[in-house]
PDB file of N, CA and C in Angstrom:
ATOM      1  N   MET A   1       2.796 156.056-264.733  1.00  0.00           N
ATOM      2  CA  MET A   1       1.777 157.194-264.141  1.00  0.00           C
ATOM      3  C   MET A   1       2.563 158.534-264.211  1.00  0.00           C
ATOM      4  N   SER A   2       1.866 159.275-264.727  1.00  0.00           N
ATOM      5  CA  SER A   2       2.594 160.744-264.985  1.00  0.00           C
ATOM      6  C   SER A   2       2.859 161.595-263.867  1.00  0.00           C
ATOM      7  N   SER A   3       3.789 162.290-263.556  1.00  0.00           N
ATOM      8  CA  SER A   3       4.070 163.086-262.812  1.00  0.00           C
ATOM      9  C   SER A   3       3.948 164.523-262.836  1.00  0.00           C
ATOM     10  N   LEU A   4       3.648 165.278-262.192  1.00  0.00           N
ATOM     11  CA  LEU A   4       3.437 166.681-261.584  1.00  0.00           C
ATOM     12  C   LEU A   4       4.628 167.010-260.641  1.00  0.00           C
ATOM     13  N   GLN A   5       4.993 168.327-261.280  1.00  0.00           N
ATOM     14  CA  GLN A   5       5.965 169.259-260.427  1.00  0.00           C
ATOM     15  C   GLN A   5       4.785 170.654-260.168  1.00  0.00           C
ATOM     16  N   VAL A   6       5.023 171.327-259.017  1.00  0.00           N
ATOM     17  CA  VAL A   6       4.199 172.691-259.059  1.00  0.00           C
ATOM     18  C   VAL A   6       5.021 173.539-258.644  1.00  0.00           C
ATOM     19  N   ARG A   7       5.888 174.535-259.091  1.00  0.00           N
ATOM     20  CA  ARG A   7       6.722 175.647-258.696  1.00  0.00           C
ATOM     21  C   ARG A   7       6.288 176.875-258.357  1.00  0.00           C
ATOM     22  N   GLU A   8       6.769 177.378-257.255  1.00  0.00           N
ATOM     23  CA  GLU A   8       6.562 178.772-256.479  1.00  0.00           C
ATOM     24  C   GLU A   8       5.008 178.607-256.126  1.00  0.00           C
ATOM     25  N   LEU A   9       4.826 177.202-255.543  1.00  0.00           N
ATOM     26  CA  LEU A   9       3.609 177.715-254.644  1.00  0.00           C
ATOM     27  C   LEU A   9       3.410 178.145-253.505  1.00  0.00           C
ATOM     28  N   PRO A  10       2.615 179.234-253.390  1.00  0.00           N
ATOM     29  CA  PRO A  10       2.199 179.618-251.885  1.00  0.00           C
ATOM     30  C   PRO A  10       2.314 179.164-250.707  1.00  0.00           C
ATOM     31  N   GLU A  11       2.863 179.686-249.896  1.00  0.00           N
ATOM     32  CA  GLU A  11       3.081 178.848-248.499  1.00  0.00           C
ATOM     33  C   GLU A  11       1.935 178.360-247.963  1.00  0.00           C
ATOM     34  N   ASN A  12       0.561 179.724-248.180  1.00  0.00           N
ATOM     35  CA  ASN A  12      -0.545 179.378-247.414  1.00  0.00           C
ATOM     36  C   ASN A  12      -1.190 178.065-247.829  1.00  0.00           C
ATOM     37  N   ILE A  13      -1.179 178.133-249.696  1.00  0.00           N
ATOM     38  CA  ILE A  13      -2.200 176.820-249.941  1.00  0.00           C
ATOM     39  C   ILE A  13      -0.992 175.718-249.440  1.00  0.00           C
ATOM     40  N   TYR A  14       0.134 175.759-249.595  1.00  0.00           N
ATOM     41  CA  TYR A  14       0.933 174.323-249.222  1.00  0.00           C
ATOM     42  C   TYR A  14       0.257 174.155-247.756  1.00  0.00           C
ATOM     43  N   SER A  15       0.122 175.125-246.708  1.00  0.00           N
ATOM     44  CA  SER A  15      -0.154 175.053-245.013  1.00  0.00           C
ATOM     45  C   SER A  15      -1.379 174.439-245.319  1.00  0.00           C
ATOM     46  N   LEU A  16      -2.481 174.776-246.204  1.00  0.00           N
ATOM     47  CA  LEU A  16      -3.988 174.294-246.417  1.00  0.00           C
ATOM     48  C   LEU A  16      -3.785 172.734-247.056  1.00  0.00           C
ATOM     49  N   LEU A  17      -3.292 172.182-247.700  1.00  0.00           N
ATOM     50  CA  LEU A  17      -3.117 171.538-248.532  1.00  0.00           C
ATOM     51  C   LEU A  17      -2.337 170.415-247.420  1.00  0.00           C
ATOM     52  N   LYS A  18      -1.708 170.637-247.023  1.00  0.00           N
ATOM     53  CA  LYS A  18      -0.959 170.002-245.873  1.00  0.00           C
ATOM     54  C   LYS A  18      -1.971 169.220-244.515  1.00  0.00           C
ATOM     55  N   ARG A  19      -2.720 169.964-244.084  1.00  0.00           N
ATOM     56  CA  ARG A  19      -3.842 170.215-243.020  1.00  0.00           C
ATOM     57  C   ARG A  19      -4.759 169.411-243.700  1.00  0.00           C
ATOM     58  N   ARG A  20      -5.351 169.679-244.556  1.00  0.00           N
ATOM     59  CA  ARG A  20      -6.224 168.581-245.024  1.00  0.00           C
ATOM     60  C   ARG A  20      -5.616 167.219-245.261  1.00  0.00           C
ATOM     61  N   ALA A  21      -4.589 167.381-245.525  1.00  0.00           N
ATOM     62  CA  ALA A  21      -3.696 165.504-245.598  1.00  0.00           C
ATOM     63  C   ALA A  21      -3.858 164.724-244.593  1.00  0.00           C
ATOM     64  N   GLU A  22      -3.429 166.102-243.512  1.00  0.00           N
ATOM     65  CA  GLU A  22      -3.749 165.269-242.384  1.00  0.00           C
ATOM     66  C   GLU A  22      -4.865 165.003-241.489  1.00  0.00           C
ATOM     67  N   ALA A  23      -5.586 165.639-242.160  1.00  0.00           N
ATOM     68  CA  ALA A  23      -6.914 165.484-241.572  1.00  0.00           C
ATOM     69  C   ALA A  23      -7.535 163.946-242.023  1.00  0.00           C
ATOM     70  N   GLU A  24      -7.299 164.185-243.773  1.00  0.00           N
ATOM     71  CA  GLU A  24      -7.846 162.791-244.372  1.00  0.00           C
ATOM     72  C   GLU A  24      -7.223 161.388-244.247  1.00  0.00           C
ATOM     73  N   HIS A  25      -6.035 161.501-243.409  1.00  0.00           N
ATOM     74  CA  HIS A  25      -4.998 160.572-243.484  1.00  0.00           C
ATOM     75  C   HIS A  25      -4.328 160.164-244.422  1.00  0.00           C
ATOM     76  N   ARG A  26      -3.782 161.091-245.350  1.00  0.00           N
ATOM     77  CA  ARG A  26      -3.333 160.880-246.585  1.00  0.00           C
ATOM     78  C   ARG A  26      -2.295 161.200-246.609  1.00  0.00           C
ATOM     79  N   SER A  27      -1.193 161.207-247.687  1.00  0.00           N
ATOM     80  CA  SER A  27      -0.052 162.154-248.082  1.00  0.00           C
ATOM     81  C   SER A  27      -0.382 163.252-248.676  1.00  0.00           C
ATOM     82  N   ILE A  28       0.231 164.350-248.873  1.00  0.00           N
ATOM     83  CA  ILE A  28       0.238 165.566-249.340  1.00  0.00           C
ATOM     84  C   ILE A  28      -0.051 165.410-250.690  1.00  0.00           C
ATOM     85  N   ALA A  29       0.762 164.249-251.509  1.00  0.00           N
ATOM     86  CA  ALA A  29       0.509 164.326-252.903  1.00  0.00           C
ATOM     87  C   ALA A  29      -0.724 163.489-253.030  1.00  0.00           C
ATOM     88  N   GLN A  30      -1.339 162.586-252.160  1.00  0.00           N
ATOM     89  CA  GLN A  30      -2.357 161.627-252.086  1.00  0.00           C
ATOM     90  C   GLN A  30      -3.434 163.192-252.340  1.00  0.00           C
ATOM     91  N   GLU A  31      -3.627 163.768-251.331  1.00  0.00           N
ATOM     92  CA  GLU A  31      -4.665 164.568-250.801  1.00  0.00           C
ATOM     93  C   GLU A  31      -4.489 165.985-252.010  1.00  0.00           C
ATOM     94  N   ALA A  32      -3.462 165.927-252.777  1.00  0.00           N
ATOM     95  CA  ALA A  32      -3.562 166.684-253.983  1.00  0.00           C
ATOM     96  C   ALA A  32      -4.252 166.175-255.142  1.00  0.00           C
ATOM     97  N   ILE A  33      -3.844 165.165-255.404  1.00  0.00           N
ATOM     98  CA  ILE A  33      -4.458 164.284-256.549  1.00  0.00           C
ATOM     99  C   ILE A  33      -5.848 164.744-256.419  1.00  0.00           C
ATOM    100  N   ALA A  34      -6.351 164.064-254.891  1.00  0.00           N
ATOM    101  CA  ALA A  34      -8.193 163.830-254.954  1.00  0.00           C
ATOM    102  C   ALA A  34      -8.314 165.150-254.956  1.00  0.00           C
ATOM    103  N   LEU A  35      -7.765 166.683-254.592  1.00  0.00           N
ATOM    104  CA  LEU A  35      -8.671 167.989-254.773  1.00  0.00           C
ATOM    105  C   LEU A  35      -8.247 168.138-256.336  1.00  0.00           C
ATOM    106  N   LEU A  36      -7.971 167.781-257.365  1.00  0.00           N
ATOM    107  CA  LEU A  36      -7.253 168.059-258.452  1.00  0.00           C
ATOM    108  C   LEU A  36      -8.683 167.124-259.449  1.00  0.00           C
ATOM    109  N   ALA A  37      -8.867 165.948-258.718  1.00  0.00           N
ATOM    110  CA  ALA A  37      -9.990 165.397-259.282  1.00  0.00           C
ATOM    111  C   ALA A  37     -11.440 165.672-259.181  1.00  0.00           C
ATOM    112  N   LYS A  38     -11.344 166.241-257.767  1.00  0.00           N
ATOM    113  CA  LYS A  38     -12.539 166.818-257.679  1.00  0.00           C
ATOM    114  C   LYS A  38     -12.623 168.312-257.978  1.00  0.00           C
ATOM    115  N   GLY A  39     -11.603 168.781-258.268  1.00  0.00           N
ATOM    116  CA  GLY A  39     -12.088 170.475-258.921  1.00  0.00           C
ATOM    117  C   GLY A  39     -11.975 170.076-260.693  1.00  0.00           C
ATOM    118  N   LEU A  40     -11.953 169.141-260.969  1.00  0.00           N
ATOM    119  CA  LEU A  40     -11.966 168.685-262.483  1.00  0.00           C
ATOM    120  C   LEU A  40     -13.129 168.168-262.774  1.00  0.00           C
ATOM    121  N   GLU A  41     -13.956 167.798-261.379  1.00  0.00           N
ATOM    122  CA  GLU A  41     -15.423 166.925-261.486  1.00  0.00           C
ATOM    123  C   GLU A  41     -14.921 165.382-262.359  1.00  0.00           C
ATOM    124  N   THR A  42     -14.021 165.172-261.688  1.00  0.00           N
ATOM    125  CA  THR A  42     -13.986 163.526-262.124  1.00  0.00           C
ATOM    126  C   THR A  42     -13.509 162.768-261.231  1.00  0.00           C
ATOM    127  N   SER A  43     -13.287 161.312-261.225  1.00  0.00           N
ATOM    128  CA  SER A  43     -13.288 160.094-260.294  1.00  0.00           C
ATOM    129  C   SER A  43     -12.081 159.869-260.490  1.00  0.00           C
ATOM    130  N   ILE A  44     -11.643 159.303-259.123  1.00  0.00           N
ATOM    131  CA  ILE A  44     -10.270 158.857-259.335  1.00  0.00           C
ATOM    132  C   ILE A  44     -10.636 157.427-258.695  1.00  0.00           C
ATOM    133  N   SER A  45     -11.581 156.789-258.319  1.00  0.00           N
ATOM    134  CA  SER A  45     -12.176 155.421-258.010  1.00  0.00           C
ATOM    135  C   SER A  45     -11.890 154.493-259.310  1.00  0.00           C
ATOM    136  N   PRO A  46     -11.453 153.430-259.510  1.00  0.00           N
ATOM    137  CA  PRO A  46     -11.373 152.609-260.521  1.00  0.00           C
ATOM    138  C   PRO A  46     -12.745 151.910-260.759  1.00  0.00           C
ATOM    139  N   LYS A  47     -13.951 152.025-259.754  1.00  0.00           N
ATOM    140  CA  LYS A  47     -14.540 151.180-259.646  1.00  0.00           C
ATOM    141  C   LYS A  47     -15.777 152.144-260.696  1.00  0.00           C
ATOM    142  N   VAL A  48     -15.751 153.222-260.002  1.00  0.00           N
ATOM    143  CA  VAL A  48     -16.690 154.552-260.883  1.00  0.00           C
ATOM    144  C   VAL A  48     -16.047 154.816-262.187  1.00  0.00           C
ATOM    145  N   ARG A  49     -14.709 154.770-262.407  1.00  0.00           N
ATOM    146  CA  ARG A  49     -14.662 154.847-264.036  1.00  0.00           C
ATOM    147  C   ARG A  49     -14.720 153.529-265.063  1.00  0.00           C
ATOM    148  N   ARG A  50     -14.760 152.685-264.329  1.00  0.00           N
ATOM    149  CA  ARG A  50     -15.191 151.244-265.008  1.00  0.00           C
ATOM    150  C   ARG A  50     -16.521 151.094-265.380  1.00  0.00           C
ATOM    151  N   ASN A  51     -17.492 151.562-264.327  1.00  0.00           N
ATOM    152  CA  ASN A  51     -18.772 152.032-264.307  1.00  0.00           C
ATOM    153  C   ASN A  51     -19.328 152.644-265.350  1.00  0.00           C
ATOM    154  N   LYS A  52     -19.084 153.746-265.262  1.00  0.00           N
ATOM    155  CA  LYS A  52     -19.039 154.958-266.271  1.00  0.00           C
ATOM    156  C   LYS A  52     -18.772 154.026-268.063  1.00  0.00           C
ATOM    157  N   LEU A  53     -17.432 153.694-267.784  1.00  0.00           N
ATOM    158  CA  LEU A  53     -16.836 152.997-269.308  1.00  0.00           C
ATOM    159  C   LEU A  53     -18.258 152.274-269.568  1.00  0.00           C
ATOM    160  N   LEU A  54     -18.265 150.855-268.651  1.00  0.00           N
ATOM    161  CA  LEU A  54     -19.599 150.079-269.425  1.00  0.00           C
ATOM    162  C   LEU A  54     -20.889 150.193-269.944  1.00  0.00           C
ATOM    163  N   GLN A  55     -21.396 151.590-269.131  1.00  0.00           N
ATOM    164  CA  GLN A  55     -22.355 152.281-269.553  1.00  0.00           C
ATOM    165  C   GLN A  55     -21.952 152.843-270.955  1.00  0.00           C
ATOM    166  N   LYS A  56     -20.956 153.440-270.864  1.00  0.00           N
ATOM    167  CA  LYS A  56     -20.673 154.124-272.435  1.00  0.00           C
ATOM    168  C   LYS A  56     -20.854 152.967-273.568  1.00  0.00           C
ATOM    169  N   ILE A  57     -20.212 151.964-273.128  1.00  0.00           N
ATOM    170  CA  ILE A  57     -19.951 151.024-274.213  1.00  0.00           C
ATOM    171  C   ILE A  57     -21.109 150.501-274.535  1.00  0.00           C
ATOM    172  N   ALA A  58     -22.068 150.197-273.299  1.00  0.00           N
ATOM    173  CA  ALA A  58     -23.504 149.693-273.613  1.00  0.00           C
ATOM    174  C   ALA A  58     -24.243 150.291-274.338  1.00  0.00           C
ATOM    175  N   GLU A  59     -24.053 151.749-274.335  1.00  0.00           N
ATOM    176  CA  GLU A  59     -24.774 152.857-275.081  1.00  0.00           C
ATOM    177  C   GLU A  59     -24.418 152.686-276.691  1.00  0.00           C
ATOM    178  N   GLU A  60     -23.254 152.816-276.545  1.00  0.00           N
ATOM    179  CA  GLU A  60     -22.561 152.819-278.110  1.00  0.00           C
ATOM    180  C   GLU A  60     -22.971 151.522-278.744  1.00  0.00           C
ATOM    181  N   ALA A  61     -23.357 150.573-278.486  1.00  0.00           N
ATOM    182  CA  ALA A  61     -23.579 148.917-278.931  1.00  0.00           C
ATOM    183  C   ALA A  61     -25.149 149.126-279.342  1.00  0.00           C
ATOM    184  N   GLY A  62     -26.177 150.087-278.479  1.00  0.00           N
ATOM    185  CA  GLY A  62     -27.158 150.045-278.787  1.00  0.00           C
ATOM    186  C   GLY A  62     -28.106 148.777-278.142  1.00  0.00           C
ATOM    187  N   LEU A  63     -27.215 148.566-276.709  1.00  0.00           N
ATOM    188  CA  LEU A  63     -27.780 148.101-275.548  1.00  0.00           C
ATOM    189  C   LEU A  63     -28.737 148.657-274.760  1.00  0.00           C
ATOM    190  N   ASN A  64     -30.076 148.122-275.012  1.00  0.00           N
ATOM    191  CA  ASN A  64     -30.803 148.968-274.262  1.00  0.00           C
ATOM    192  C   ASN A  64     -31.081 148.229-272.945  1.00  0.00           C
ATOM    193  N   GLY A  65     -31.583 148.982-271.892  1.00  0.00           N
ATOM    194  CA  GLY A  65     -31.937 148.137-270.499  1.00  0.00           C
ATOM    195  C   GLY A  65     -30.696 147.756-269.900  1.00  0.00           C
ATOM    196  N   GLY A  66     -29.707 148.073-270.121  1.00  0.00           N
ATOM    197  CA  GLY A  66     -28.255 148.083-269.027  1.00  0.00           C
ATOM    198  C   GLY A  66     -28.280 146.374-269.751  1.00  0.00           C
ATOM    199  N   THR A  67     -28.415 145.716-271.198  1.00  0.00           N
ATOM    200  CA  THR A  67     -28.104 144.354-271.080  1.00  0.00           C
ATOM    201  C   THR A  67     -26.692 143.699-271.380  1.00  0.00           C
ATOM    202  N   ALA A  68     -25.439 144.843-271.272  1.00  0.00           N
ATOM    203  CA  ALA A  68     -24.368 144.497-271.194  1.00  0.00           C
ATOM    204  C   ALA A  68     -23.758 144.346-269.334  1.00  0.00           C
ATOM    205  N   PHE A  69     -24.749 144.456-268.731  1.00  0.00           N
ATOM    206  CA  PHE A  69     -24.589 144.487-267.081  1.00  0.00           C
ATOM    207  C   PHE A  69     -24.921 143.209-266.926  1.00  0.00           C
ATOM    208  N   LYS A  70     -25.809 142.415-267.620  1.00  0.00           N
ATOM    209  CA  LYS A  70     -26.596 141.477-267.427  1.00  0.00           C
ATOM    210  C   LYS A  70     -25.786 140.079-267.894  1.00  0.00           C
ATOM    211  N   LEU A  71     -24.876 140.634-268.712  1.00  0.00           N
ATOM    212  CA  LEU A  71     -24.140 139.261-269.447  1.00  0.00           C
ATOM    213  C   LEU A  71     -22.877 138.574-268.573  1.00  0.00           C
ATOM    214  N   ASP A  72     -22.910 137.451-268.345  1.00  0.00           N
ATOM    215  CA  ASP A  72     -22.057 136.972-267.819  1.00  0.00           C
ATOM    216  C   ASP A  72     -20.780 136.468-268.513  1.00  0.00           C
ATOM    217  N   PRO A  73     -19.710 137.336-267.505  1.00  0.00           N
ATOM    218  CA  PRO A  73     -18.166 137.216-268.459  1.00  0.00           C
ATOM    219  C   PRO A  73     -17.770 135.200-268.618  1.00  0.00           C
ATOM    220  N   VAL A  74     -18.091 134.525-267.462  1.00  0.00           N
ATOM    221  CA  VAL A  74     -17.825 133.135-267.426  1.00  0.00           C
ATOM    222  C   VAL A  74     -18.659 132.359-268.670  1.00  0.00           C
ATOM    223  N   GLU A  75     -19.894 132.671-268.561  1.00  0.00           N
ATOM    224  CA  GLU A  75     -20.834 131.995-269.741  1.00  0.00           C
ATOM    225  C   GLU A  75     -20.075 132.479-271.383  1.00  0.00           C
ATOM    226  N   LEU A  76     -19.783 133.967-271.119  1.00  0.00           N
ATOM    227  CA  LEU A  76     -18.962 134.386-272.538  1.00  0.00           C
ATOM    228  C   LEU A  76     -18.015 133.557-272.707  1.00  0.00           C
ATOM    229  N   ILE A  77     -17.126 133.182-272.000  1.00  0.00           N
ATOM    230  CA  ILE A  77     -15.592 132.596-272.010  1.00  0.00           C
ATOM    231  C   ILE A  77     -15.665 131.618-272.312  1.00  0.00           C
ATOM    232  N   ARG A  78     -16.759 130.681-271.923  1.00  0.00           N
ATOM    233  CA  ARG A  78     -17.247 129.180-271.903  1.00  0.00           C
ATOM    234  C   ARG A  78     -17.414 128.912-273.286  1.00  0.00           C
ATOM    235  N   GLU A  79     -18.589 129.588-273.850  1.00  0.00           N
ATOM    236  CA  GLU A  79     -18.948 129.988-275.416  1.00  0.00           C
ATOM    237  C   GLU A  79     -17.856 130.164-276.040  1.00  0.00           C
ATOM    238  N   ASP A  80     -17.114 131.032-275.830  1.00  0.00           N
ATOM    239  CA  ASP A  80     -15.887 131.251-276.947  1.00  0.00           C
ATOM    240  C   ASP A  80     -14.926 130.303-276.833  1.00  0.00           C
ATOM    241  N   ARG A  81     -14.840 129.415-276.005  1.00  0.00           N
ATOM    242  CA  ARG A  81     -13.976 128.158-275.606  1.00  0.00           C
ATOM    243  C   ARG A  81     -14.194 127.073-277.025  1.00  0.00           C
ATOM    244  N   LYS A  82     -15.705 127.045-276.921  1.00  0.00           N
ATOM    245  CA  LYS A  82     -16.309 125.855-277.547  1.00  0.00           C
ATOM    246  C   LYS A  82     -15.899 126.053-278.955  1.00  0.00           C
ATOM    247  N   ARG A  83     -15.846 127.170-279.575  1.00  0.00           N
ATOM    248  CA  ARG A  83     -15.562 127.337-280.874  1.00  0.00           C
ATOM    249  C   ARG A  83     -14.470 126.569-281.424  1.00  0.00           C
TER     250      ARG A  83
END
């Protein structure tokens, strides 16, 4: 995972970040990541990212009606093993 160092952070911003982190029961680093993700309009939730990726794959593959979500991975693995 990448690392980020912020230099010359104004004291008032640090104080606000620290208070928000305490209110959300997060570390300062976790709160900073959550706020950056929100500001960049992205999600840090793996589940949300995974669903968006699956939807994009289905659209690019031309699978209409959410067919990709109806595929059973167990059946696909069994089918592949039979070959």
